[in-house]
Amino acid sequence: RGIDDENINSQPFQRWRERFEFVAEAVKLAQRETGEVKGHYLNCTANTPEELYERAEFAKELDMPIIMHDYITGGFTANTGLANWCRKNGMLLHIHRAMHAVIDRHPKHGIHFRVLAKC
C-alpha cells in the first residue's frame, strides 16, 4: 500500500495530474506482476473545492479507488462534501490529519482531537 505524503499537493516539480497517472500505472503493473491487489492513497487536497473534485474525478477515471484529503488544511466542509461524493461514487476516502498537532498537541490551548475527529 502506498500513500501520497500529506504535503504533496501540486508542486512545480511534481504536478498532481502527472503523479496520479504515474501512480495508477505503477499500481496496475504491480498487480499484474504479483497477482495481488495493490493500492495507493492519491492526495486530492486542493486550493478550491472545484479543483478538489476535479482531482477526485480524475482518480476515479484512472480506476484508483482510494483518495486522501488533508482535512484540517483542506477545510472541514470540503471534507464533508468529499465524503459525500465518495459515498455516491463508490470511492474510499482516507482522512489525513496533517497539521493537527498545531491545534491539539498543547494541553492548555487548542481543540481536543476528539472534537476534530467529529468534523
PDB file of N, CA and C in Angstrom:
ATOM      1  N   ARG A   1       0.854  -1.179   0.000  1.00  0.00           N
ATOM      2  CA  ARG A   1       0.000   0.000   0.000  1.00  0.00           C
ATOM      3  C   ARG A   1       0.885   1.221   0.000  1.00  0.00           C
ATOM      4  N   GLY A   2       0.544   2.176  -0.815  1.00  0.00           N
ATOM      5  CA  GLY A   2       1.284   3.429  -0.859  1.00  0.00           C
ATOM      6  C   GLY A   2       0.397   4.576  -0.441  1.00  0.00           C
ATOM      7  N   ILE A   3       1.009   5.692  -0.155  1.00  0.00           N
ATOM      8  CA  ILE A   3       0.244   6.872   0.238  1.00  0.00           C
ATOM      9  C   ILE A   3       1.027   8.113  -0.166  1.00  0.00           C
ATOM     10  N   ASP A   4       0.328   9.075  -0.760  1.00  0.00           N
ATOM     11  CA  ASP A   4       0.966  10.350  -1.048  1.00  0.00           C
ATOM     12  C   ASP A   4       1.333  10.999   0.273  1.00  0.00           C
ATOM     13  N   ASP A   5       2.463  11.645   0.321  1.00  0.00           N
ATOM     14  CA  ASP A   5       2.820  12.421   1.502  1.00  0.00           C
ATOM     15  C   ASP A   5       1.770  13.505   1.687  1.00  0.00           C
ATOM     16  N   GLU A   6       1.438  13.794   2.933  1.00  0.00           N
ATOM     17  CA  GLU A   6       0.381  14.778   3.174  1.00  0.00           C
ATOM     18  C   GLU A   6       0.728  16.163   2.650  1.00  0.00           C
ATOM     19  N   ASN A   7       1.999  16.445   2.467  1.00  0.00           N
ATOM     20  CA  ASN A   7       2.398  17.766   1.982  1.00  0.00           C
ATOM     21  C   ASN A   7       2.411  17.863   0.460  1.00  0.00           C
ATOM     22  N   ILE A   8       2.248  16.749  -0.218  1.00  0.00           N
ATOM     23  CA  ILE A   8       2.231  16.786  -1.682  1.00  0.00           C
ATOM     24  C   ILE A   8       0.889  17.341  -2.123  1.00  0.00           C
ATOM     25  N   ASN A   9       0.949  18.369  -2.918  1.00  0.00           N
ATOM     26  CA  ASN A   9      -0.257  18.946  -3.471  1.00  0.00           C
ATOM     27  C   ASN A   9      -0.077  18.986  -4.978  1.00  0.00           C
ATOM     28  N   SER A  10       0.503  20.037  -5.497  1.00  0.00           N
ATOM     29  CA  SER A  10       0.832  20.114  -6.913  1.00  0.00           C
ATOM     30  C   SER A  10       2.001  21.080  -7.053  1.00  0.00           C
ATOM     31  N   GLN A  11       3.132  20.631  -6.600  1.00  0.00           N
ATOM     32  CA  GLN A  11       4.324  21.467  -6.623  1.00  0.00           C
ATOM     33  C   GLN A  11       4.906  21.497  -8.029  1.00  0.00           C
ATOM     34  N   PRO A  12       5.655  22.565  -8.375  1.00  0.00           N
ATOM     35  CA  PRO A  12       6.174  22.689  -9.742  1.00  0.00           C
ATOM     36  C   PRO A  12       6.964  21.469 -10.224  1.00  0.00           C
ATOM     37  N   PHE A  13       7.659  20.813  -9.333  1.00  0.00           N
ATOM     38  CA  PHE A  13       8.456  19.657  -9.746  1.00  0.00           C
ATOM     39  C   PHE A  13       7.655  18.361  -9.747  1.00  0.00           C
ATOM     40  N   GLN A  14       6.396  18.410  -9.327  1.00  0.00           N
ATOM     41  CA  GLN A  14       5.594  17.191  -9.266  1.00  0.00           C
ATOM     42  C   GLN A  14       4.108  17.556  -9.312  1.00  0.00           C
ATOM     43  N   ARG A  15       3.596  17.750 -10.500  1.00  0.00           N
ATOM     44  CA  ARG A  15       2.202  18.143 -10.668  1.00  0.00           C
ATOM     45  C   ARG A  15       1.264  16.970 -10.394  1.00  0.00           C
ATOM     46  N   TRP A  16       0.104  17.284  -9.826  1.00  0.00           N
ATOM     47  CA  TRP A  16      -0.798  16.239  -9.360  1.00  0.00           C
ATOM     48  C   TRP A  16      -1.251  15.315 -10.485  1.00  0.00           C
ATOM     49  N   ARG A  17      -1.619  15.847 -11.633  1.00  0.00           N
ATOM     50  CA  ARG A  17      -2.156  15.002 -12.708  1.00  0.00           C
ATOM     51  C   ARG A  17      -1.119  13.976 -13.179  1.00  0.00           C
ATOM     52  N   GLU A  18       0.104  14.422 -13.389  1.00  0.00           N
ATOM     53  CA  GLU A  18       1.162  13.508 -13.817  1.00  0.00           C
ATOM     54  C   GLU A  18       1.469  12.481 -12.730  1.00  0.00           C
ATOM     55  N   ARG A  19       1.426  12.910 -11.465  1.00  0.00           N
ATOM     56  CA  ARG A  19       1.663  11.978 -10.359  1.00  0.00           C
ATOM     57  C   ARG A  19       0.560  10.926 -10.296  1.00  0.00           C
ATOM     58  N   PHE A  20      -0.697  11.346 -10.434  1.00  0.00           N
ATOM     59  CA  PHE A  20      -1.805  10.398 -10.414  1.00  0.00           C
ATOM     60  C   PHE A  20      -1.638   9.364 -11.529  1.00  0.00           C
ATOM     61  N   GLU A  21      -1.307   9.824 -12.744  1.00  0.00           N
ATOM     62  CA  GLU A  21      -1.141   8.901 -13.874  1.00  0.00           C
ATOM     63  C   GLU A  21       0.018   7.935 -13.634  1.00  0.00           C
ATOM     64  N   PHE A  22       1.129   8.448 -13.152  1.00  0.00           N
ATOM     65  CA  PHE A  22       2.303   7.615 -12.874  1.00  0.00           C
ATOM     66  C   PHE A  22       1.975   6.546 -11.835  1.00  0.00           C
ATOM     67  N   VAL A  23       1.316   6.963 -10.758  1.00  0.00           N
ATOM     68  CA  VAL A  23       0.986   6.032  -9.676  1.00  0.00           C
ATOM     69  C   VAL A  23      -0.014   4.984 -10.161  1.00  0.00           C
ATOM     70  N   ALA A  24      -1.029   5.399 -10.901  1.00  0.00           N
ATOM     71  CA  ALA A  24      -2.027   4.445 -11.399  1.00  0.00           C
ATOM     72  C   ALA A  24      -1.364   3.379 -12.268  1.00  0.00           C
ATOM     73  N   GLU A  25      -0.467   3.807 -13.131  1.00  0.00           N
ATOM     74  CA  GLU A  25       0.254   2.857 -13.986  1.00  0.00           C
ATOM     75  C   GLU A  25       1.106   1.903 -13.147  1.00  0.00           C
ATOM     76  N   ALA A  26       1.791   2.434 -12.143  1.00  0.00           N
ATOM     77  CA  ALA A  26       2.647   1.600 -11.288  1.00  0.00           C
ATOM     78  C   ALA A  26       1.822   0.601 -10.480  1.00  0.00           C
ATOM     79  N   VAL A  27       0.683   1.036  -9.962  1.00  0.00           N
ATOM     80  CA  VAL A  27      -0.181   0.139  -9.183  1.00  0.00           C
ATOM     81  C   VAL A  27      -0.695  -0.993 -10.069  1.00  0.00           C
ATOM     82  N   LYS A  28      -1.154  -0.655 -11.257  1.00  0.00           N
ATOM     83  CA  LYS A  28      -1.674  -1.687 -12.165  1.00  0.00           C
ATOM     84  C   LYS A  28      -0.587  -2.666 -12.594  1.00  0.00           C
ATOM     85  N   LEU A  29       0.615  -2.167 -12.834  1.00  0.00           N
ATOM     86  CA  LEU A  29       1.742  -3.035 -13.181  1.00  0.00           C
ATOM     87  C   LEU A  29       2.068  -3.979 -12.023  1.00  0.00           C
ATOM     88  N   ALA A  30       2.113  -3.450 -10.814  1.00  0.00           N
ATOM     89  CA  ALA A  30       2.408  -4.281  -9.638  1.00  0.00           C
ATOM     90  C   ALA A  30       1.343  -5.356  -9.446  1.00  0.00           C
ATOM     91  N   GLN A  31       0.089  -5.019  -9.710  1.00  0.00           N
ATOM     92  CA  GLN A  31      -0.990  -6.006  -9.582  1.00  0.00           C
ATOM     93  C   GLN A  31      -0.841  -7.113 -10.619  1.00  0.00           C
ATOM     94  N   ARG A  32      -0.509  -6.734 -11.853  1.00  0.00           N
ATOM     95  CA  ARG A  32      -0.320  -7.750 -12.906  1.00  0.00           C
ATOM     96  C   ARG A  32       0.848  -8.668 -12.573  1.00  0.00           C
ATOM     97  N   GLU A  33       1.931  -8.083 -12.089  1.00  0.00           N
ATOM     98  CA  GLU A  33       3.135  -8.873 -11.821  1.00  0.00           C
ATOM     99  C   GLU A  33       2.992  -9.787 -10.610  1.00  0.00           C
ATOM    100  N   THR A  34       2.233  -9.369  -9.612  1.00  0.00           N
ATOM    101  CA  THR A  34       2.138 -10.153  -8.378  1.00  0.00           C
ATOM    102  C   THR A  34       0.839 -10.932  -8.246  1.00  0.00           C
ATOM    103  N   GLY A  35      -0.182 -10.514  -8.974  1.00  0.00           N
ATOM    104  CA  GLY A  35      -1.490 -11.131  -8.810  1.00  0.00           C
ATOM    105  C   GLY A  35      -2.177 -10.701  -7.526  1.00  0.00           C
ATOM    106  N   GLU A  36      -1.607  -9.751  -6.835  1.00  0.00           N
ATOM    107  CA  GLU A  36      -2.166  -9.241  -5.580  1.00  0.00           C
ATOM    108  C   GLU A  36      -2.833  -7.888  -5.807  1.00  0.00           C
ATOM    109  N   VAL A  37      -3.809  -7.574  -4.963  1.00  0.00           N
ATOM    110  CA  VAL A  37      -4.450  -6.267  -5.006  1.00  0.00           C
ATOM    111  C   VAL A  37      -3.509  -5.249  -4.377  1.00  0.00           C
ATOM    112  N   LYS A  38      -3.291  -4.159  -5.079  1.00  0.00           N
ATOM    113  CA  LYS A  38      -2.428  -3.081  -4.586  1.00  0.00           C
ATOM    114  C   LYS A  38      -3.253  -1.804  -4.501  1.00  0.00           C
ATOM    115  N   GLY A  39      -2.767  -0.854  -3.739  1.00  0.00           N
ATOM    116  CA  GLY A  39      -3.487   0.406  -3.625  1.00  0.00           C
ATOM    117  C   GLY A  39      -2.564   1.555  -3.304  1.00  0.00           C
ATOM    118  N   HIS A  40      -3.075   2.744  -3.492  1.00  0.00           N
ATOM    119  CA  HIS A  40      -2.337   3.964  -3.188  1.00  0.00           C
ATOM    120  C   HIS A  40      -3.365   5.041  -2.865  1.00  0.00           C
ATOM    121  N   TYR A  41      -3.077   5.860  -1.880  1.00  0.00           N
ATOM    122  CA  TYR A  41      -3.985   6.938  -1.488  1.00  0.00           C
ATOM    123  C   TYR A  41      -3.561   8.201  -2.224  1.00  0.00           C
ATOM    124  N   LEU A  42      -4.308   8.599  -3.231  1.00  0.00           N
ATOM    125  CA  LEU A  42      -3.981   9.795  -4.006  1.00  0.00           C
ATOM    126  C   LEU A  42      -4.491  11.032  -3.272  1.00  0.00           C
ATOM    127  N   ASN A  43      -3.596  11.973  -3.001  1.00  0.00           N
ATOM    128  CA  ASN A  43      -3.960  13.170  -2.246  1.00  0.00           C
ATOM    129  C   ASN A  43      -4.684  14.152  -3.156  1.00  0.00           C
ATOM    130  N   CYS A  44      -5.983  14.336  -2.910  1.00  0.00           N
ATOM    131  CA  CYS A  44      -6.815  15.232  -3.714  1.00  0.00           C
ATOM    132  C   CYS A  44      -6.930  16.629  -3.111  1.00  0.00           C
ATOM    133  N   THR A  45      -6.311  16.878  -1.980  1.00  0.00           N
ATOM    134  CA  THR A  45      -6.383  18.187  -1.337  1.00  0.00           C
ATOM    135  C   THR A  45      -5.983  19.267  -2.339  1.00  0.00           C
ATOM    136  N   ALA A  46      -6.770  20.336  -2.401  1.00  0.00           N
ATOM    137  CA  ALA A  46      -6.526  21.390  -3.390  1.00  0.00           C
ATOM    138  C   ALA A  46      -6.898  22.754  -2.815  1.00  0.00           C
ATOM    139  N   ASN A  47      -6.602  23.786  -3.588  1.00  0.00           N
ATOM    140  CA  ASN A  47      -6.865  25.156  -3.154  1.00  0.00           C
ATOM    141  C   ASN A  47      -8.335  25.541  -3.198  1.00  0.00           C
ATOM    142  N   THR A  48      -9.103  24.897  -4.063  1.00  0.00           N
ATOM    143  CA  THR A  48     -10.527  25.219  -4.198  1.00  0.00           C
ATOM    144  C   THR A  48     -11.338  23.928  -4.221  1.00  0.00           C
ATOM    145  N   PRO A  49     -12.628  24.013  -3.856  1.00  0.00           N
ATOM    146  CA  PRO A  49     -13.475  22.813  -3.939  1.00  0.00           C
ATOM    147  C   PRO A  49     -13.569  22.270  -5.364  1.00  0.00           C
ATOM    148  N   GLU A  50     -13.610  23.165  -6.340  1.00  0.00           N
ATOM    149  CA  GLU A  50     -13.706  22.716  -7.731  1.00  0.00           C
ATOM    150  C   GLU A  50     -12.503  21.862  -8.115  1.00  0.00           C
ATOM    151  N   GLU A  51     -11.329  22.313  -7.713  1.00  0.00           N
ATOM    152  CA  GLU A  51     -10.119  21.544  -8.031  1.00  0.00           C
ATOM    153  C   GLU A  51     -10.069  20.244  -7.231  1.00  0.00           C
ATOM    154  N   LEU A  52     -10.560  20.262  -6.005  1.00  0.00           N
ATOM    155  CA  LEU A  52     -10.641  19.046  -5.188  1.00  0.00           C
ATOM    156  C   LEU A  52     -11.461  17.977  -5.907  1.00  0.00           C
ATOM    157  N   TYR A  53     -12.642  18.370  -6.403  1.00  0.00           N
ATOM    158  CA  TYR A  53     -13.499  17.411  -7.094  1.00  0.00           C
ATOM    159  C   TYR A  53     -12.924  17.004  -8.448  1.00  0.00           C
ATOM    160  N   GLU A  54     -12.216  17.915  -9.107  1.00  0.00           N
ATOM    161  CA  GLU A  54     -11.552  17.563 -10.368  1.00  0.00           C
ATOM    162  C   GLU A  54     -10.533  16.452 -10.134  1.00  0.00           C
ATOM    163  N   ARG A  55      -9.785  16.566  -9.066  1.00  0.00           N
ATOM    164  CA  ARG A  55      -8.787  15.539  -8.738  1.00  0.00           C
ATOM    165  C   ARG A  55      -9.456  14.220  -8.369  1.00  0.00           C
ATOM    166  N   ALA A  56     -10.532  14.301  -7.595  1.00  0.00           N
ATOM    167  CA  ALA A  56     -11.250  13.084  -7.209  1.00  0.00           C
ATOM    168  C   ALA A  56     -11.818  12.383  -8.445  1.00  0.00           C
ATOM    169  N   GLU A  57     -12.414  13.155  -9.349  1.00  0.00           N
ATOM    170  CA  GLU A  57     -12.963  12.587 -10.590  1.00  0.00           C
ATOM    171  C   GLU A  57     -11.866  11.934 -11.429  1.00  0.00           C
ATOM    172  N   PHE A  58     -10.713  12.577 -11.485  1.00  0.00           N
ATOM    173  CA  PHE A  58      -9.609  12.028 -12.275  1.00  0.00           C
ATOM    174  C   PHE A  58      -9.117  10.715 -11.671  1.00  0.00           C
ATOM    175  N   ALA A  59      -9.030  10.649 -10.350  1.00  0.00           N
ATOM    176  CA  ALA A  59      -8.643   9.399  -9.685  1.00  0.00           C
ATOM    177  C   ALA A  59      -9.641   8.294 -10.027  1.00  0.00           C
ATOM    178  N   LYS A  60     -10.916   8.639 -10.032  1.00  0.00           N
ATOM    179  CA  LYS A  60     -11.952   7.661 -10.379  1.00  0.00           C
ATOM    180  C   LYS A  60     -11.795   7.202 -11.829  1.00  0.00           C
ATOM    181  N   GLU A  61     -11.531   8.139 -12.749  1.00  0.00           N
ATOM    182  CA  GLU A  61     -11.324   7.791 -14.160  1.00  0.00           C
ATOM    183  C   GLU A  61     -10.145   6.838 -14.338  1.00  0.00           C
ATOM    184  N   LEU A  62      -9.143   6.970 -13.478  1.00  0.00           N
ATOM    185  CA  LEU A  62      -7.964   6.097 -13.535  1.00  0.00           C
ATOM    186  C   LEU A  62      -8.192   4.753 -12.839  1.00  0.00           C
ATOM    187  N   ASP A  63      -9.409   4.522 -12.344  1.00  0.00           N
ATOM    188  CA  ASP A  63      -9.754   3.306 -11.595  1.00  0.00           C
ATOM    189  C   ASP A  63      -8.934   3.162 -10.324  1.00  0.00           C
ATOM    190  N   MET A  64      -8.641   4.270  -9.693  1.00  0.00           N
ATOM    191  CA  MET A  64      -7.945   4.272  -8.403  1.00  0.00           C
ATOM    192  C   MET A  64      -9.016   4.474  -7.333  1.00  0.00           C
ATOM    193  N   PRO A  65      -9.331   3.458  -6.537  1.00  0.00           N
ATOM    194  CA  PRO A  65     -10.491   3.522  -5.653  1.00  0.00           C
ATOM    195  C   PRO A  65     -10.288   4.269  -4.338  1.00  0.00           C
ATOM    196  N   ILE A  66      -9.064   4.694  -4.032  1.00  0.00           N
ATOM    197  CA  ILE A  66      -8.795   5.332  -2.737  1.00  0.00           C
ATOM    198  C   ILE A  66      -8.213   6.720  -2.969  1.00  0.00           C
ATOM    199  N   ILE A  67      -8.821   7.715  -2.322  1.00  0.00           N
ATOM    200  CA  ILE A  67      -8.259   9.060  -2.356  1.00  0.00           C
ATOM    201  C   ILE A  67      -8.042   9.533  -0.926  1.00  0.00           C
ATOM    202  N   MET A  68      -7.272  10.598  -0.802  1.00  0.00           N
ATOM    203  CA  MET A  68      -6.941  11.127   0.522  1.00  0.00           C
ATOM    204  C   MET A  68      -7.232  12.622   0.536  1.00  0.00           C
ATOM    205  N   HIS A  69      -7.601  13.121   1.719  1.00  0.00           N
ATOM    206  CA  HIS A  69      -7.837  14.554   1.907  1.00  0.00           C
ATOM    207  C   HIS A  69      -7.216  14.963   3.231  1.00  0.00           C
ATOM    208  N   ASP A  70      -6.475  16.075   3.203  1.00  0.00           N
ATOM    209  CA  ASP A  70      -5.918  16.645   4.436  1.00  0.00           C
ATOM    210  C   ASP A  70      -7.010  17.510   5.049  1.00  0.00           C
ATOM    211  N   TYR A  71      -7.703  16.979   6.049  1.00  0.00           N
ATOM    212  CA  TYR A  71      -8.955  17.606   6.450  1.00  0.00           C
ATOM    213  C   TYR A  71      -8.806  18.913   7.201  1.00  0.00           C
ATOM    214  N   ILE A  72      -7.695  19.180   7.852  1.00  0.00           N
ATOM    215  CA  ILE A  72      -7.542  20.474   8.522  1.00  0.00           C
ATOM    216  C   ILE A  72      -7.111  21.530   7.513  1.00  0.00           C
ATOM    217  N   THR A  73      -6.095  21.231   6.728  1.00  0.00           N
ATOM    218  CA  THR A  73      -5.643  22.213   5.741  1.00  0.00           C
ATOM    219  C   THR A  73      -6.646  22.361   4.607  1.00  0.00           C
ATOM    220  N   GLY A  74      -7.358  21.295   4.291  1.00  0.00           N
ATOM    221  CA  GLY A  74      -8.337  21.343   3.205  1.00  0.00           C
ATOM    222  C   GLY A  74      -9.657  21.956   3.606  1.00  0.00           C
ATOM    223  N   GLY A  75      -9.988  21.900   4.873  1.00  0.00           N
ATOM    224  CA  GLY A  75     -11.227  22.507   5.349  1.00  0.00           C
ATOM    225  C   GLY A  75     -12.268  21.474   5.741  1.00  0.00           C
ATOM    226  N   PHE A  76     -12.967  21.779   6.831  1.00  0.00           N
ATOM    227  CA  PHE A  76     -13.956  20.842   7.365  1.00  0.00           C
ATOM    228  C   PHE A  76     -15.124  20.622   6.403  1.00  0.00           C
ATOM    229  N   THR A  77     -15.672  21.691   5.818  1.00  0.00           N
ATOM    230  CA  THR A  77     -16.809  21.499   4.920  1.00  0.00           C
ATOM    231  C   THR A  77     -16.379  20.828   3.618  1.00  0.00           C
ATOM    232  N   ALA A  78     -15.151  21.114   3.178  1.00  0.00           N
ATOM    233  CA  ALA A  78     -14.641  20.422   1.990  1.00  0.00           C
ATOM    234  C   ALA A  78     -14.554  18.929   2.270  1.00  0.00           C
ATOM    235  N   ASN A  79     -14.161  18.573   3.482  1.00  0.00           N
ATOM    236  CA  ASN A  79     -14.063  17.168   3.862  1.00  0.00           C
ATOM    237  C   ASN A  79     -15.431  16.496   3.843  1.00  0.00           C
ATOM    238  N   THR A  80     -16.432  17.166   4.393  1.00  0.00           N
ATOM    239  CA  THR A  80     -17.780  16.604   4.415  1.00  0.00           C
ATOM    240  C   THR A  80     -18.306  16.421   2.996  1.00  0.00           C
ATOM    241  N   GLY A  81     -18.108  17.432   2.164  1.00  0.00           N
ATOM    242  CA  GLY A  81     -18.551  17.326   0.775  1.00  0.00           C
ATOM    243  C   GLY A  81     -17.858  16.194   0.035  1.00  0.00           C
ATOM    244  N   LEU A  82     -16.557  16.053   0.251  1.00  0.00           N
ATOM    245  CA  LEU A  82     -15.807  14.986  -0.415  1.00  0.00           C
ATOM    246  C   LEU A  82     -16.239  13.614   0.101  1.00  0.00           C
ATOM    247  N   ALA A  83     -16.515  13.508   1.389  1.00  0.00           N
ATOM    248  CA  ALA A  83     -17.000  12.236   1.942  1.00  0.00           C
ATOM    249  C   ALA A  83     -18.325  11.843   1.288  1.00  0.00           C
ATOM    250  N   ASN A  84     -19.220  12.805   1.120  1.00  0.00           N
ATOM    251  CA  ASN A  84     -20.497  12.528   0.456  1.00  0.00           C
ATOM    252  C   ASN A  84     -20.275  12.124  -0.998  1.00  0.00           C
ATOM    253  N   TRP A  85     -19.359  12.817  -1.689  1.00  0.00           N
ATOM    254  CA  TRP A  85     -19.048  12.487  -3.077  1.00  0.00           C
ATOM    255  C   TRP A  85     -18.521  11.056  -3.167  1.00  0.00           C
ATOM    256  N   CYS A  86     -17.630  10.691  -2.255  1.00  0.00           N
ATOM    257  CA  CYS A  86     -17.058   9.335  -2.264  1.00  0.00           C
ATOM    258  C   CYS A  86     -18.132   8.275  -2.067  1.00  0.00           C
ATOM    259  N   ARG A  87     -19.062   8.518  -1.161  1.00  0.00           N
ATOM    260  CA  ARG A  87     -20.154   7.553  -0.944  1.00  0.00           C
ATOM    261  C   ARG A  87     -20.964   7.355  -2.225  1.00  0.00           C
ATOM    262  N   LYS A  88     -21.260   8.454  -2.904  1.00  0.00           N
ATOM    263  CA  LYS A  88     -22.062   8.380  -4.131  1.00  0.00           C
ATOM    264  C   LYS A  88     -21.303   7.726  -5.284  1.00  0.00           C
ATOM    265  N   ASN A  89     -19.982   7.778  -5.241  1.00  0.00           N
ATOM    266  CA  ASN A  89     -19.163   7.296  -6.352  1.00  0.00           C
ATOM    267  C   ASN A  89     -18.400   6.013  -6.052  1.00  0.00           C
ATOM    268  N   GLY A  90     -18.688   5.382  -4.922  1.00  0.00           N
ATOM    269  CA  GLY A  90     -18.054   4.108  -4.595  1.00  0.00           C
ATOM    270  C   GLY A  90     -16.563   4.197  -4.354  1.00  0.00           C
ATOM    271  N   MET A  91     -16.116   5.328  -3.854  1.00  0.00           N
ATOM    272  CA  MET A  91     -14.689   5.539  -3.588  1.00  0.00           C
ATOM    273  C   MET A  91     -14.429   5.447  -2.085  1.00  0.00           C
ATOM    274  N   LEU A  92     -13.203   5.082  -1.738  1.00  0.00           N
ATOM    275  CA  LEU A  92     -12.774   5.085  -0.342  1.00  0.00           C
ATOM    276  C   LEU A  92     -12.058   6.399  -0.066  1.00  0.00           C
ATOM    277  N   LEU A  93     -12.295   6.971   1.117  1.00  0.00           N
ATOM    278  CA  LEU A  93     -11.674   8.241   1.481  1.00  0.00           C
ATOM    279  C   LEU A  93     -10.836   8.062   2.735  1.00  0.00           C
ATOM    280  N   HIS A  94      -9.561   8.375   2.603  1.00  0.00           N
ATOM    281  CA  HIS A  94      -8.654   8.379   3.754  1.00  0.00           C
ATOM    282  C   HIS A  94      -8.507   9.824   4.196  1.00  0.00           C
ATOM    283  N   ILE A  95      -8.787  10.080   5.457  1.00  0.00           N
ATOM    284  CA  ILE A  95      -8.649  11.425   6.005  1.00  0.00           C
ATOM    285  C   ILE A  95      -7.309  11.507   6.713  1.00  0.00           C
ATOM    286  N   HIS A  96      -6.473  12.427   6.241  1.00  0.00           N
ATOM    287  CA  HIS A  96      -5.169  12.619   6.865  1.00  0.00           C
ATOM    288  C   HIS A  96      -5.259  13.778   7.839  1.00  0.00           C
ATOM    289  N   ARG A  97      -4.631  13.642   8.972  1.00  0.00           N
ATOM    290  CA  ARG A  97      -4.726  14.676  10.000  1.00  0.00           C
ATOM    291  C   ARG A  97      -3.542  15.639   9.977  1.00  0.00           C
ATOM    292  N   ALA A  98      -3.022  15.917   8.789  1.00  0.00           N
ATOM    293  CA  ALA A  98      -1.914  16.860   8.652  1.00  0.00           C
ATOM    294  C   ALA A  98      -2.245  18.167   9.360  1.00  0.00           C
ATOM    295  N   MET A  99      -1.307  18.675  10.115  1.00  0.00           N
ATOM    296  CA  MET A  99      -1.382  19.937  10.842  1.00  0.00           C
ATOM    297  C   MET A  99      -2.145  19.827  12.166  1.00  0.00           C
ATOM    298  N   HIS A 100      -2.617  18.648  12.537  1.00  0.00           N
ATOM    299  CA  HIS A 100      -3.397  18.541  13.766  1.00  0.00           C
ATOM    300  C   HIS A 100      -2.604  18.939  14.994  1.00  0.00           C
ATOM    301  N   ALA A 101      -1.315  18.639  15.026  1.00  0.00           N
ATOM    302  CA  ALA A 101      -0.521  18.905  16.233  1.00  0.00           C
ATOM    303  C   ALA A 101      -0.444  20.389  16.555  1.00  0.00           C
ATOM    304  N   VAL A 102      -0.542  21.232  15.543  1.00  0.00           N
ATOM    305  CA  VAL A 102      -0.544  22.676  15.778  1.00  0.00           C
ATOM    306  C   VAL A 102      -1.763  23.068  16.603  1.00  0.00           C
ATOM    307  N   ILE A 103      -2.850  22.339  16.429  1.00  0.00           N
ATOM    308  CA  ILE A 103      -4.105  22.681  17.084  1.00  0.00           C
ATOM    309  C   ILE A 103      -4.322  21.912  18.380  1.00  0.00           C
ATOM    310  N   ASP A 104      -3.967  20.632  18.414  1.00  0.00           N
ATOM    311  CA  ASP A 104      -4.371  19.812  19.565  1.00  0.00           C
ATOM    312  C   ASP A 104      -3.239  19.278  20.436  1.00  0.00           C
ATOM    313  N   ARG A 105      -2.005  19.581  20.137  1.00  0.00           N
ATOM    314  CA  ARG A 105      -0.896  18.989  20.886  1.00  0.00           C
ATOM    315  C   ARG A 105      -0.716  19.590  22.283  1.00  0.00           C
ATOM    316  N   HIS A 106      -0.855  20.900  22.403  1.00  0.00           N
ATOM    317  CA  HIS A 106      -0.603  21.566  23.684  1.00  0.00           C
ATOM    318  C   HIS A 106      -1.822  21.428  24.592  1.00  0.00           C
ATOM    319  N   PRO A 107      -1.649  20.986  25.848  1.00  0.00           N
ATOM    320  CA  PRO A 107      -2.802  20.725  26.718  1.00  0.00           C
ATOM    321  C   PRO A 107      -3.527  21.981  27.207  1.00  0.00           C
ATOM    322  N   LYS A 108      -2.926  23.155  27.082  1.00  0.00           N
ATOM    323  CA  LYS A 108      -3.547  24.358  27.629  1.00  0.00           C
ATOM    324  C   LYS A 108      -4.208  25.246  26.572  1.00  0.00           C
ATOM    325  N   HIS A 109      -4.128  24.886  25.336  1.00  0.00           N
ATOM    326  CA  HIS A 109      -4.821  25.665  24.299  1.00  0.00           C
ATOM    327  C   HIS A 109      -5.163  24.751  23.129  1.00  0.00           C
ATOM    328  N   GLY A 110      -6.008  25.228  22.262  1.00  0.00           N
ATOM    329  CA  GLY A 110      -6.348  24.464  21.074  1.00  0.00           C
ATOM    330  C   GLY A 110      -7.647  23.704  21.213  1.00  0.00           C
ATOM    331  N   ILE A 111      -7.809  22.731  20.354  1.00  0.00           N
ATOM    332  CA  ILE A 111      -9.017  21.921  20.286  1.00  0.00           C
ATOM    333  C   ILE A 111      -8.614  20.476  20.523  1.00  0.00           C
ATOM    334  N   HIS A 112      -9.348  19.771  21.351  1.00  0.00           N
ATOM    335  CA  HIS A 112      -9.059  18.362  21.598  1.00  0.00           C
ATOM    336  C   HIS A 112      -9.289  17.575  20.306  1.00  0.00           C
ATOM    337  N   PHE A 113      -8.450  16.586  20.056  1.00  0.00           N
ATOM    338  CA  PHE A 113      -8.550  15.841  18.807  1.00  0.00           C
ATOM    339  C   PHE A 113      -9.881  15.116  18.672  1.00  0.00           C
ATOM    340  N   ARG A 114     -10.514  14.747  19.756  1.00  0.00           N
ATOM    341  CA  ARG A 114     -11.827  14.085  19.655  1.00  0.00           C
ATOM    342  C   ARG A 114     -12.852  15.013  19.008  1.00  0.00           C
ATOM    343  N   VAL A 115     -12.731  16.296  19.280  1.00  0.00           N
ATOM    344  CA  VAL A 115     -13.628  17.267  18.642  1.00  0.00           C
ATOM    345  C   VAL A 115     -13.315  17.344  17.149  1.00  0.00           C
ATOM    346  N   LEU A 116     -12.038  17.419  16.816  1.00  0.00           N
ATOM    347  CA  LEU A 116     -11.645  17.479  15.408  1.00  0.00           C
ATOM    348  C   LEU A 116     -12.097  16.231  14.649  1.00  0.00           C
ATOM    349  N   ALA A 117     -12.016  15.086  15.296  1.00  0.00           N
ATOM    350  CA  ALA A 117     -12.361  13.825  14.642  1.00  0.00           C
ATOM    351  C   ALA A 117     -13.836  13.760  14.262  1.00  0.00           C
ATOM    352  N   LYS A 118     -14.680  14.525  14.935  1.00  0.00           N
ATOM    353  CA  LYS A 118     -16.111  14.501  14.639  1.00  0.00           C
ATOM    354  C   LYS A 118     -16.493  15.426  13.493  1.00  0.00           C
ATOM    355  N   CYS A 119     -15.562  16.259  13.054  1.00  0.00           N
ATOM    356  CA  CYS A 119     -15.866  17.218  11.967  1.00  0.00           C
ATOM    357  C   CYS A 119     -16.043  16.511  10.643  1.00  0.00           C
TER     358      CYS A 119
END
